[in-house]
Amino acid sequence: MTQQACDPIGAGFEVAGWVHALSGFIERHRRFWIALGNFETRLIAGALEGVGIEQPVYVCGLARSGTTALLELLARHPAVVTHRYRDFPPLFTPYLWNRWLERVPRRPEQARERTHADRIAITSESPEAFEEVLWMAFFPHLHDPGASAVFDGEVINERFEAFYRDHIRKLLTVRGGRRYVAKGNYNLTRLTYLQRLFPDARFVIPVRDPVWHVASLVKQQRLFTAGCRARSWARNHLRRVGHFEFGPDRRPINAGDTAATAEILACWADGREVEGWARYWANLYGHVLNRLDADARLRQATLIIRYEDLCRRPRERCAELLDHCRLLSVVEVEDEAARRLSLPAYYAPQFDATERAVIGRETGAVAKRFGCGG
């Protein structure tokens, strides 16, 4: 197997056979892989000695808000370590897996547009969000829309917390970095918990004009539903990586209001896609604002970035991003932001007046608090 084969999804929604088989085995035997990860930690105890976790950065937002663009910018900083596409499926043993990959013959990779068809080109070395695999292993009912997904400061899971800290330390060690950066949209309801684990953590939350955001969400739902229908393995793959944002197994995050979550699901079930997404936008971002308003320390550690501002003034917003994350300014990162970021021109909202009114009605109050559309 070559390193090129370590990108878990092939063209479109195709999943490589070895990835499907290995990820399925890992999913069925999570306890074994947790034990294997703990064994790895003991095995390389010497290499991990003295490795600390300093100001981890968490990028999180509702899908299609710009989290991937922010992750890719931060990943270009020389001090930063992230998960990469090649880390999946054996995510529980990052040190041994990556050391083995270093010994595998490499061949040139051609960057290609990712499954989302959104101008972002990837290789097996590209940064990606895979933390959710670990969370699901220790919290098996995490994605039940009928139960609150809010993790406050009182949640305690010592086994997970020890494993998670060791996992981050192993990534820092194997990649020779100093700062860990994670993209995890589901972390929107875990901000308080993560700050308890890492009191010096920094949080970055992008927010997007709700009309454009809902348009992108509707587009992705159609794309992923069709892709999963055409590729039988794709649905299993999305479940295994903890991607329930789109497709036939779509599940909203329950931000502590089970009745509101049920209403979102009812909208989608009735074919009221636009209303369902608009309600979801308001429910999730409203939760975030309420949590920040109630917690001054969390608010100080959090940067809200408007997606439109990021695209219109990439250098300024990138400099603000690095400063908030306590990362030294790097001209190459700001140059990359200026080169790559722009408002999307490959699609536009196609809503009629009624649909726009629905979006305004459902999102207006929350959007006004952010100072964006609505």
Protein backbone atom coordinates (compact mmCIF):
# COMPACT_ATOMS: atom_id res chain seq x y z
CA MET A 1 0.00 0.00 0.00
CA THR A 2 1.30 3.46 -0.86
CA GLN A 3 0.72 6.68 1.02
CA GLN A 4 -1.52 7.79 -1.82
CA ALA A 5 -3.92 5.06 -0.75
CA CYS A 6 -4.32 6.62 2.69
CA ASP A 7 -6.98 9.08 1.57
CA PRO A 8 -10.11 7.32 2.92
CA ILE A 9 -12.48 8.40 0.14
CA GLY A 10 -11.65 7.94 -3.51
CA ALA A 11 -13.20 9.77 -6.44
CA GLY A 12 -16.60 11.18 -5.54
CA PHE A 13 -18.17 8.98 -2.87
CA GLU A 14 -16.09 5.90 -3.55
CA VAL A 15 -14.49 4.32 -0.47
CA ALA A 16 -11.33 2.26 -0.89
CA GLY A 17 -11.91 -1.42 -0.16
CA TRP A 18 -9.17 -1.68 2.45
CA VAL A 19 -10.54 1.40 4.25
CA HIS A 20 -14.05 -0.05 4.28
CA ALA A 21 -12.80 -3.36 5.69
CA LEU A 22 -10.43 -1.94 8.31
CA SER A 23 -12.75 0.84 9.48
CA GLY A 24 -15.54 -1.70 9.84
CA PHE A 25 -13.33 -3.94 11.95
CA ILE A 26 -12.32 -1.01 14.15
CA GLU A 27 -15.95 0.09 14.56
CA ARG A 28 -16.97 -3.40 15.69
CA HIS A 29 -14.06 -3.72 18.14
CA ARG A 30 -13.67 -0.26 19.62
CA ARG A 31 -12.76 -1.56 23.10
CA PHE A 32 -9.88 -3.53 21.62
CA TRP A 33 -8.62 -0.46 19.76
CA ILE A 34 -8.89 1.70 22.86
CA ALA A 35 -6.79 -0.90 24.68
CA LEU A 36 -4.35 -0.92 21.76
CA GLY A 37 -4.10 2.86 21.93
CA ASN A 38 -3.34 2.68 25.64
CA PHE A 39 -0.71 0.02 24.95
CA GLU A 40 0.85 2.33 22.36
CA THR A 41 1.01 5.08 24.99
CA ARG A 42 2.88 2.81 27.40
CA LEU A 43 5.14 1.56 24.62
CA ILE A 44 6.35 5.05 23.70
CA ALA A 45 6.29 6.52 27.21
CA GLY A 46 9.87 7.70 26.80
CA ALA A 47 9.08 9.62 23.62
CA LEU A 48 6.08 11.27 25.28
CA GLU A 49 7.95 12.30 28.41
CA GLY A 50 7.82 16.06 28.80
CA VAL A 51 5.32 16.57 25.96
CA GLY A 52 2.61 18.94 27.13
CA ILE A 53 -0.54 20.32 25.52
CA GLU A 54 -0.27 24.08 25.18
CA GLN A 55 -3.28 26.22 24.23
CA PRO A 56 -5.06 23.77 21.91
CA VAL A 57 -7.20 25.46 19.26
CA TYR A 58 -10.73 24.29 18.48
CA VAL A 59 -12.39 25.40 15.25
CA CYS A 60 -16.10 24.62 15.29
CA GLY A 61 -19.28 25.78 13.63
CA LEU A 62 -22.31 24.50 11.82
CA ALA A 63 -21.20 22.63 8.69
CA ARG A 64 -20.54 24.88 5.67
CA SER A 65 -19.62 27.87 7.83
CA GLY A 66 -15.94 27.96 6.81
CA THR A 67 -14.41 25.60 9.38
CA THR A 68 -12.38 23.69 6.78
CA ALA A 69 -10.93 26.88 5.30
CA LEU A 70 -9.88 28.02 8.77
CA LEU A 71 -8.40 24.61 9.59
CA GLU A 72 -6.35 24.63 6.39
CA LEU A 73 -5.00 28.10 7.12
CA LEU A 74 -3.99 27.20 10.67
CA ALA A 75 -2.47 23.91 9.52
CA ARG A 76 0.01 25.86 7.38
CA HIS A 77 1.54 27.42 10.49
CA PRO A 78 4.87 25.72 11.30
CA ALA A 79 3.97 25.25 14.98
CA VAL A 80 0.63 23.54 14.29
CA VAL A 81 -0.29 19.85 14.29
CA THR A 82 -3.64 18.53 13.05
CA HIS A 83 -5.20 15.26 12.06
CA ARG A 84 -4.73 14.41 8.39
CA TYR A 85 -6.69 12.28 5.96
CA ARG A 86 -4.04 9.59 6.20
CA ASP A 87 -4.72 9.11 9.93
CA PHE A 88 -7.92 7.20 9.24
CA PRO A 89 -8.88 4.37 9.81
CA PRO A 90 -6.42 3.40 12.64
CA LEU A 91 -6.95 6.66 14.49
CA PHE A 92 -6.53 5.05 17.91
CA THR A 93 -2.82 4.37 17.32
CA PRO A 94 -1.55 7.53 15.62
CA TYR A 95 2.09 7.15 16.56
CA LEU A 96 2.68 3.61 15.28
CA TRP A 97 0.49 4.12 12.22
CA ASN A 98 2.35 7.25 11.14
CA ARG A 99 5.75 5.74 11.85
CA TRP A 100 4.79 2.82 9.64
CA LEU A 101 3.59 5.15 6.87
CA GLU A 102 6.97 6.88 6.92
CA ARG A 103 8.50 3.58 5.79
CA VAL A 104 6.00 2.97 3.00
CA PRO A 105 7.12 3.98 -0.50
CA ARG A 106 5.66 7.32 -1.52
CA ARG A 107 4.46 8.35 -4.93
CA PRO A 108 3.28 11.76 -6.13
CA GLU A 109 -0.32 12.63 -5.40
CA GLN A 110 -2.59 14.73 -7.54
CA ALA A 111 -4.69 17.03 -5.37
CA ARG A 112 -8.37 16.67 -6.21
CA GLU A 113 -11.54 18.40 -5.18
CA ARG A 114 -13.04 16.81 -2.10
CA THR A 115 -16.40 15.07 -1.99
CA HIS A 116 -18.21 18.31 -1.12
CA ALA A 117 -17.47 19.79 -4.57
CA ASP A 118 -16.60 23.14 -2.97
CA ARG A 119 -13.26 24.12 -4.56
CA ILE A 120 -11.19 22.62 -1.71
CA ALA A 121 -8.57 20.25 -3.15
CA ILE A 122 -7.09 17.56 -0.93
CA THR A 123 -4.44 14.86 -0.70
CA SER A 124 -3.78 12.28 2.01
CA GLU A 125 -1.63 14.93 3.75
CA SER A 126 -4.44 17.49 3.99
CA PRO A 127 -5.77 18.40 7.44
CA GLU A 128 -9.12 16.90 8.35
CA ALA A 129 -11.54 16.44 11.25
CA PHE A 130 -11.30 12.96 12.79
CA GLU A 131 -11.65 13.65 16.51
CA GLU A 132 -15.26 12.51 16.47
CA VAL A 133 -14.13 8.90 16.06
CA LEU A 134 -12.57 9.09 19.53
CA TRP A 135 -15.55 10.82 21.11
CA MET A 136 -17.96 8.19 19.75
CA ALA A 137 -15.84 5.36 21.14
CA PHE A 138 -16.27 6.65 24.70
CA PHE A 139 -19.72 8.22 24.36
CA PRO A 140 -21.68 5.72 22.22
CA HIS A 141 -24.99 7.62 22.33
CA LEU A 142 -23.46 10.93 21.36
CA HIS A 143 -25.43 11.36 18.13
CA ASP A 144 -28.89 10.51 19.37
CA PRO A 145 -31.01 13.57 18.45
CA GLY A 146 -33.38 12.66 21.26
CA ALA A 147 -30.77 13.33 23.94
CA SER A 148 -28.94 16.55 24.78
CA ALA A 149 -25.43 16.72 23.32
CA VAL A 150 -24.41 19.56 25.63
CA PHE A 151 -21.28 18.81 27.65
CA ASP A 152 -20.92 21.24 30.51
CA GLY A 153 -18.19 21.56 33.10
CA GLU A 154 -19.74 18.85 35.26
CA VAL A 155 -19.35 16.07 32.69
CA ILE A 156 -16.55 13.70 33.69
CA ASN A 157 -15.20 10.69 31.82
CA GLU A 158 -11.74 9.97 33.17
CA ARG A 159 -11.01 7.15 30.71
CA PHE A 160 -11.79 9.35 27.73
CA GLU A 161 -9.96 12.36 29.12
CA ALA A 162 -6.76 10.41 29.75
CA PHE A 163 -6.94 8.72 26.34
CA TYR A 164 -7.70 12.01 24.58
CA ARG A 165 -4.83 13.88 26.20
CA ASP A 166 -2.43 11.05 25.34
CA HIS A 167 -3.73 10.99 21.78
CA ILE A 168 -2.97 14.69 21.33
CA ARG A 169 0.48 14.26 22.85
CA LYS A 170 1.19 11.41 20.42
CA LEU A 171 0.20 13.56 17.44
CA LEU A 172 2.43 16.39 18.67
CA THR A 173 5.30 13.94 19.06
CA VAL A 174 4.98 12.09 15.77
CA ARG A 175 4.56 15.32 13.79
CA GLY A 176 7.12 17.36 15.69
CA GLY A 177 4.75 20.23 16.46
CA ARG A 178 3.96 22.39 19.46
CA ARG A 179 0.31 23.38 19.06
CA TYR A 180 -2.68 21.12 18.42
CA VAL A 181 -5.52 22.39 16.22
CA ALA A 182 -8.76 20.49 15.76
CA LYS A 183 -11.76 21.09 13.56
CA GLY A 184 -14.85 19.55 15.10
CA ASN A 185 -18.29 20.96 14.38
CA TYR A 186 -19.84 18.83 17.11
CA ASN A 187 -17.65 20.61 19.63
CA LEU A 188 -20.06 23.56 19.50
CA THR A 189 -21.95 21.97 22.39
CA ARG A 190 -18.77 20.96 24.24
CA LEU A 191 -17.04 24.31 24.66
CA THR A 192 -17.38 24.41 28.44
CA TYR A 193 -16.23 20.81 28.79
CA LEU A 194 -13.18 21.39 26.57
CA GLN A 195 -12.26 24.49 28.55
CA ARG A 196 -12.38 22.42 31.72
CA LEU A 197 -10.00 19.89 30.14
CA PHE A 198 -7.73 22.62 28.77
CA PRO A 199 -8.16 25.92 30.66
CA ASP A 200 -5.90 27.73 28.16
CA ALA A 201 -7.72 26.45 25.04
CA ARG A 202 -8.63 28.88 22.27
CA PHE A 203 -11.89 28.61 20.32
CA VAL A 204 -12.70 29.85 16.82
CA ILE A 205 -16.31 29.88 15.64
CA PRO A 206 -17.19 30.98 12.10
CA VAL A 207 -20.69 32.24 11.37
CA ARG A 208 -22.17 32.78 7.92
CA ASP A 209 -25.03 34.83 6.51
CA PRO A 210 -28.01 32.51 7.02
CA VAL A 211 -29.40 32.83 3.47
CA TRP A 212 -26.12 31.74 1.91
CA HIS A 213 -25.49 29.25 4.68
CA VAL A 214 -28.85 27.52 4.27
CA ALA A 215 -28.33 27.46 0.49
CA SER A 216 -25.03 25.65 0.96
CA LEU A 217 -26.55 23.21 3.46
CA VAL A 218 -29.42 22.35 1.10
CA LYS A 219 -26.95 21.83 -1.74
CA GLN A 220 -24.76 19.51 0.33
CA GLN A 221 -27.69 17.45 1.56
CA ARG A 222 -28.71 16.74 -2.02
CA LEU A 223 -25.14 15.92 -2.99
CA PHE A 224 -24.51 13.54 -0.09
CA THR A 225 -27.87 11.82 -0.39
CA ALA A 226 -27.27 11.12 -4.06
CA GLY A 227 -23.67 10.07 -3.41
CA CYS A 228 -24.67 7.58 -0.72
CA ARG A 229 -27.38 6.18 -2.99
CA ALA A 230 -24.83 5.61 -5.76
CA ARG A 231 -22.10 4.21 -3.49
CA SER A 232 -23.32 1.65 -0.98
CA TRP A 233 -20.23 1.92 1.24
CA ALA A 234 -20.42 5.70 1.58
CA ARG A 235 -23.13 5.72 4.26
CA ASN A 236 -21.13 3.33 6.46
CA HIS A 237 -18.03 5.44 5.96
CA LEU A 238 -19.79 8.65 7.02
CA ARG A 239 -21.06 6.94 10.18
CA ARG A 240 -17.63 5.59 11.04
CA VAL A 241 -15.94 8.98 10.78
CA GLY A 242 -18.75 10.62 12.77
CA HIS A 243 -20.14 12.64 9.87
CA PHE A 244 -23.91 12.86 10.44
CA GLU A 245 -24.28 16.34 9.00
CA PHE A 246 -25.52 15.30 5.56
CA GLY A 247 -26.89 12.31 3.71
CA PRO A 248 -29.53 9.68 4.47
CA ASP A 249 -28.36 9.39 8.10
CA ARG A 250 -28.49 13.12 8.80
CA ARG A 251 -28.82 13.93 12.50
CA PRO A 252 -29.00 17.42 14.02
CA ILE A 253 -27.03 18.28 17.13
CA ASN A 254 -29.33 18.46 20.14
CA ALA A 255 -28.22 21.71 21.76
CA GLY A 256 -30.17 21.07 24.93
CA ASP A 257 -33.68 21.66 23.55
CA THR A 258 -35.09 18.26 22.59
CA ALA A 259 -38.41 19.72 21.47
CA ALA A 260 -36.67 22.14 19.09
CA THR A 261 -34.53 19.30 17.72
CA ALA A 262 -37.68 17.22 17.13
CA GLU A 263 -39.20 20.13 15.20
CA ILE A 264 -36.11 20.33 12.99
CA LEU A 265 -36.37 16.61 12.25
CA ALA A 266 -40.09 17.00 11.51
CA CYS A 267 -39.36 19.76 9.00
CA TRP A 268 -36.89 17.58 7.16
CA ALA A 269 -39.20 14.56 7.25
CA ASP A 270 -41.98 16.69 5.73
CA GLY A 271 -39.71 17.96 2.95
CA ARG A 272 -39.43 21.46 4.44
CA GLU A 273 -35.68 21.53 3.93
CA VAL A 274 -35.21 25.28 4.04
CA GLU A 275 -37.25 25.73 7.22
CA GLY A 276 -35.49 22.80 8.90
CA TRP A 277 -32.02 24.15 8.16
CA ALA A 278 -33.02 27.68 9.18
CA ARG A 279 -34.38 26.44 12.50
CA TYR A 280 -31.20 24.39 13.01
CA TRP A 281 -29.00 27.43 12.27
CA ALA A 282 -30.85 29.53 14.82
CA ASN A 283 -31.02 26.79 17.44
CA LEU A 284 -27.33 25.91 17.33
CA TYR A 285 -25.89 29.40 17.04
CA GLY A 286 -28.38 30.67 19.60
CA HIS A 287 -27.05 28.06 22.01
CA VAL A 288 -23.49 29.24 21.36
CA LEU A 289 -24.35 32.89 21.99
CA ASN A 290 -26.23 32.05 25.18
CA ARG A 291 -23.29 30.00 26.44
CA LEU A 292 -20.83 32.80 25.68
CA ASP A 293 -23.06 35.43 27.28
CA ALA A 294 -23.21 33.35 30.47
CA ASP A 295 -19.48 32.59 30.71
CA ALA A 296 -17.04 35.49 30.58
CA ARG A 297 -13.96 33.26 30.62
CA LEU A 298 -15.23 31.21 27.67
CA ARG A 299 -16.21 34.38 25.84
CA GLN A 300 -12.68 35.76 26.24
CA ALA A 301 -11.22 32.56 24.80
CA THR A 302 -13.52 32.58 21.77
CA LEU A 303 -13.19 34.38 18.45
CA ILE A 304 -16.30 34.75 16.28
CA ILE A 305 -15.37 35.14 12.60
CA ARG A 306 -17.94 36.15 10.03
CA TYR A 307 -17.38 34.06 6.91
CA GLU A 308 -18.12 36.98 4.61
CA ASP A 309 -15.54 39.15 6.36
CA LEU A 310 -12.98 36.37 6.07
CA CYS A 311 -13.54 36.18 2.32
CA ARG A 312 -13.59 39.93 1.74
CA ARG A 313 -10.62 40.80 3.98
CA PRO A 314 -8.61 37.60 4.22
CA ARG A 315 -5.31 39.14 5.32
CA GLU A 316 -6.83 41.17 8.14
CA ARG A 317 -9.02 38.35 9.39
CA CYS A 318 -6.16 35.85 9.14
CA ALA A 319 -3.92 38.13 11.22
CA GLU A 320 -6.74 38.41 13.78
CA LEU A 321 -7.10 34.63 13.76
CA LEU A 322 -3.41 33.99 14.43
CA ASP A 323 -3.31 36.61 17.16
CA HIS A 324 -6.34 35.12 18.92
CA CYS A 325 -4.84 31.63 18.73
CA ARG A 326 -1.60 32.94 20.23
CA LEU A 327 0.33 31.97 17.14
CA LEU A 328 3.12 34.13 15.77
CA SER A 329 2.27 35.98 12.60
CA VAL A 330 3.48 34.13 9.50
CA VAL A 331 3.43 35.99 6.18
CA GLU A 332 3.03 32.77 4.21
CA VAL A 333 -0.19 31.94 6.05
CA GLU A 334 -1.64 35.39 5.38
CA ASP A 335 -0.55 35.15 1.73
CA GLU A 336 -2.33 31.81 1.45
CA ALA A 337 -5.48 33.33 2.91
CA ALA A 338 -5.39 36.14 0.34
CA ARG A 339 -4.78 33.70 -2.49
CA ARG A 340 -7.45 31.14 -1.65
CA LEU A 341 -10.31 32.86 0.11
CA SER A 342 -13.13 34.48 -1.82
CA LEU A 343 -16.90 34.48 -1.76
CA PRO A 344 -18.32 31.50 -3.69
CA ALA A 345 -19.15 32.22 -7.32
CA TYR A 346 -19.94 28.63 -8.35
CA TYR A 347 -23.43 28.70 -6.84
CA ALA A 348 -25.93 31.19 -5.45
CA PRO A 349 -29.09 30.93 -3.35
CA GLN A 350 -32.10 30.10 -5.52
CA PHE A 351 -34.76 30.77 -2.93
CA ASP A 352 -38.09 32.33 -3.79
CA ALA A 353 -39.60 35.12 -1.72
CA THR A 354 -41.46 32.71 0.55
CA GLU A 355 -38.32 30.72 1.35
CA ARG A 356 -36.33 33.87 2.05
CA ALA A 357 -39.07 35.01 4.38
CA VAL A 358 -38.90 31.67 6.22
CA ILE A 359 -35.14 32.02 6.67
CA GLY A 360 -35.54 35.59 7.91
CA ARG A 361 -38.28 34.60 10.34
CA GLU A 362 -36.38 31.67 11.82
CA THR A 363 -32.86 33.13 11.93
CA GLY A 364 -33.42 36.88 12.21
CA ALA A 365 -33.12 37.32 15.96
CA VAL A 366 -29.94 35.24 16.28
CA ALA A 367 -28.43 36.67 13.09
CA LYS A 368 -28.92 40.19 14.43
CA ARG A 369 -26.91 39.31 17.53
CA PHE A 370 -24.06 38.26 15.25
CA GLY A 371 -24.41 41.33 13.06
CA CYS A 372 -25.08 39.31 9.91
CA GLY A 373 -28.02 38.77 7.45
CA GLY A 374 -31.40 37.64 8.60
